[in-house]
Amino acid sequence: MKIPYDASLVPPAPFLSAHVSNLTDSAESPLIPAKVDTGADVTAIPANLVNPLNLAPASEIQVEGYNGHRATLSCYDIALRVTHPSSS
């Protein structure tokens, strides 16, 4: 499968399409771009999906960005349905 890259980013990055959903009901996000990052330690979702999907924090995690910035973020139990952009 060939994955399209977003050339507007530096460096360019591969993206697929995805739906995020709540595990306890049928709430599902619209199709969103999903960056494919094989070096990532976590999967992140846009913060603006938390309330519409009725997501409740399951835990918290300490994260540190490549620039050294540290933050405590909420973790959520979700379903992530990933599709190739040409089939969405």
C-alpha atoms as a PDB file:
ATOM      1  CA  MET A   1       0.000   0.000   0.000  1.00  0.00           C
ATOM      2  CA  LYS A   2       1.339   3.421  -0.920  1.00  0.00           C
ATOM      3  CA  ILE A   3       0.602   6.057   1.732  1.00  0.00           C
ATOM      4  CA  PRO A   4       0.314   9.689   0.596  1.00  0.00           C
ATOM      5  CA  TYR A   5       2.601  12.291   2.179  1.00  0.00           C
ATOM      6  CA  ASP A   6       1.634  15.798   3.236  1.00  0.00           C
ATOM      7  CA  ALA A   7       4.352  17.867   1.554  1.00  0.00           C
ATOM      8  CA  SER A   8       3.270  21.035   3.404  1.00  0.00           C
ATOM      9  CA  LEU A   9       5.006  19.714   6.546  1.00  0.00           C
ATOM     10  CA  VAL A  10       8.745  19.887   7.189  1.00  0.00           C
ATOM     11  CA  PRO A  11       9.754  17.161   6.847  1.00  0.00           C
ATOM     12  CA  PRO A  12       6.876  15.739   4.769  1.00  0.00           C
ATOM     13  CA  ALA A  13       4.887  13.083   6.652  1.00  0.00           C
ATOM     14  CA  PRO A  14       2.582  10.208   5.670  1.00  0.00           C
ATOM     15  CA  PHE A  15      -1.130  10.540   6.493  1.00  0.00           C
ATOM     16  CA  LEU A  16      -4.107   8.191   6.474  1.00  0.00           C
ATOM     17  CA  SER A  17      -7.729   8.948   7.363  1.00  0.00           C
ATOM     18  CA  ALA A  18      -9.358   7.822  10.613  1.00  0.00           C
ATOM     19  CA  HIS A  19     -12.498   7.859  12.717  1.00  0.00           C
ATOM     20  CA  VAL A  20     -12.233   8.051  16.513  1.00  0.00           C
ATOM     21  CA  SER A  21     -15.049   6.568  18.572  1.00  0.00           C
ATOM     22  CA  ASN A  22     -16.101   6.075  22.162  1.00  0.00           C
ATOM     23  CA  LEU A  23     -15.971   2.445  23.319  1.00  0.00           C
ATOM     24  CA  THR A  24     -19.203   2.679  25.303  1.00  0.00           C
ATOM     25  CA  ASP A  25     -21.630   4.160  22.771  1.00  0.00           C
ATOM     26  CA  SER A  26     -21.987   4.865  19.080  1.00  0.00           C
ATOM     27  CA  ALA A  27     -20.425   8.346  19.111  1.00  0.00           C
ATOM     28  CA  GLU A  28     -17.913   8.593  16.258  1.00  0.00           C
ATOM     29  CA  SER A  29     -15.856  11.484  14.921  1.00  0.00           C
ATOM     30  CA  PRO A  30     -15.988  12.670  11.359  1.00  0.00           C
ATOM     31  CA  LEU A  31     -13.109  11.480   9.195  1.00  0.00           C
ATOM     32  CA  ILE A  32      -9.888  13.161  10.383  1.00  0.00           C
ATOM     33  CA  PRO A  33      -6.304  13.126   9.051  1.00  0.00           C
ATOM     34  CA  ALA A  34      -4.078  10.693  10.953  1.00  0.00           C
ATOM     35  CA  LYS A  35      -0.315  11.171  10.824  1.00  0.00           C
ATOM     36  CA  VAL A  36       1.609   7.897  10.539  1.00  0.00           C
ATOM     37  CA  ASP A  37       4.542   8.255  12.960  1.00  0.00           C
ATOM     38  CA  THR A  38       6.335   4.962  13.497  1.00  0.00           C
ATOM     39  CA  GLY A  39       8.616   6.558  16.108  1.00  0.00           C
ATOM     40  CA  ALA A  40       5.802   7.852  18.321  1.00  0.00           C
ATOM     41  CA  ASP A  41       5.396   6.511  21.852  1.00  0.00           C
ATOM     42  CA  VAL A  42       1.706   7.473  22.075  1.00  0.00           C
ATOM     43  CA  THR A  43      -1.280   8.027  19.821  1.00  0.00           C
ATOM     44  CA  ALA A  44      -2.785  11.484  20.126  1.00  0.00           C
ATOM     45  CA  ILE A  45      -6.223  12.706  19.085  1.00  0.00           C
ATOM     46  CA  PRO A  46      -7.402  16.288  18.610  1.00  0.00           C
ATOM     47  CA  ALA A  47      -8.568  17.763  21.933  1.00  0.00           C
ATOM     48  CA  ASN A  48     -11.735  19.048  20.263  1.00  0.00           C
ATOM     49  CA  LEU A  49     -12.983  15.431  19.924  1.00  0.00           C
ATOM     50  CA  VAL A  50     -13.064  14.713  23.679  1.00  0.00           C
ATOM     51  CA  ASN A  51     -16.382  16.417  24.545  1.00  0.00           C
ATOM     52  CA  PRO A  52     -18.413  15.520  21.415  1.00  0.00           C
ATOM     53  CA  LEU A  53     -17.440  11.850  21.854  1.00  0.00           C
ATOM     54  CA  ASN A  54     -18.201  11.895  25.609  1.00  0.00           C
ATOM     55  CA  LEU A  55     -14.730  10.580  26.395  1.00  0.00           C
ATOM     56  CA  ALA A  56     -13.892  10.171  30.083  1.00  0.00           C
ATOM     57  CA  PRO A  57     -10.229  10.216  31.190  1.00  0.00           C
ATOM     58  CA  ALA A  58      -8.992   6.707  31.986  1.00  0.00           C
ATOM     59  CA  SER A  59      -5.605   7.821  33.325  1.00  0.00           C
ATOM     60  CA  GLU A  60      -2.918  10.471  32.975  1.00  0.00           C
ATOM     61  CA  ILE A  61       0.540  10.327  31.456  1.00  0.00           C
ATOM     62  CA  GLN A  62       3.623  12.531  31.672  1.00  0.00           C
ATOM     63  CA  VAL A  63       4.930  13.388  28.204  1.00  0.00           C
ATOM     64  CA  GLU A  64       7.950  15.304  26.964  1.00  0.00           C
ATOM     65  CA  GLY A  65       8.266  16.812  23.514  1.00  0.00           C
ATOM     66  CA  TYR A  66      11.405  16.769  21.409  1.00  0.00           C
ATOM     67  CA  ASN A  67      12.004  20.364  22.567  1.00  0.00           C
ATOM     68  CA  GLY A  68      12.041  19.312  26.253  1.00  0.00           C
ATOM     69  CA  HIS A  69       8.585  20.702  27.099  1.00  0.00           C
ATOM     70  CA  ARG A  70       6.849  18.479  29.677  1.00  0.00           C
ATOM     71  CA  ALA A  71       3.115  18.149  30.253  1.00  0.00           C
ATOM     72  CA  THR A  72       0.578  15.924  31.986  1.00  0.00           C
ATOM     73  CA  LEU A  73      -2.085  14.724  29.559  1.00  0.00           C
ATOM     74  CA  SER A  74      -5.249  12.689  29.960  1.00  0.00           C
ATOM     75  CA  CYS A  75      -5.488   9.222  28.404  1.00  0.00           C
ATOM     76  CA  TYR A  76      -8.731   7.908  26.928  1.00  0.00           C
ATOM     77  CA  ASP A  77      -9.925   4.456  25.885  1.00  0.00           C
ATOM     78  CA  ILE A  78     -10.972   4.824  22.245  1.00  0.00           C
ATOM     79  CA  ALA A  79     -11.491   2.857  19.069  1.00  0.00           C
ATOM     80  CA  LEU A  80      -9.497   4.113  16.108  1.00  0.00           C
ATOM     81  CA  ARG A  81     -10.656   3.044  12.651  1.00  0.00           C
ATOM     82  CA  VAL A  82      -7.988   3.849  10.090  1.00  0.00           C
ATOM     83  CA  THR A  83      -8.626   3.883   6.335  1.00  0.00           C
ATOM     84  CA  HIS A  84      -6.541   4.625   3.275  1.00  0.00           C
ATOM     85  CA  PRO A  85      -7.548   8.060   1.919  1.00  0.00           C
ATOM     86  CA  SER A  86      -8.523   6.596  -1.447  1.00  0.00           C
ATOM     87  CA  SER A  87     -11.110   4.302   0.213  1.00  0.00           C
ATOM     88  CA  SER A  88     -12.676   6.830   2.596  1.00  0.00           C
END
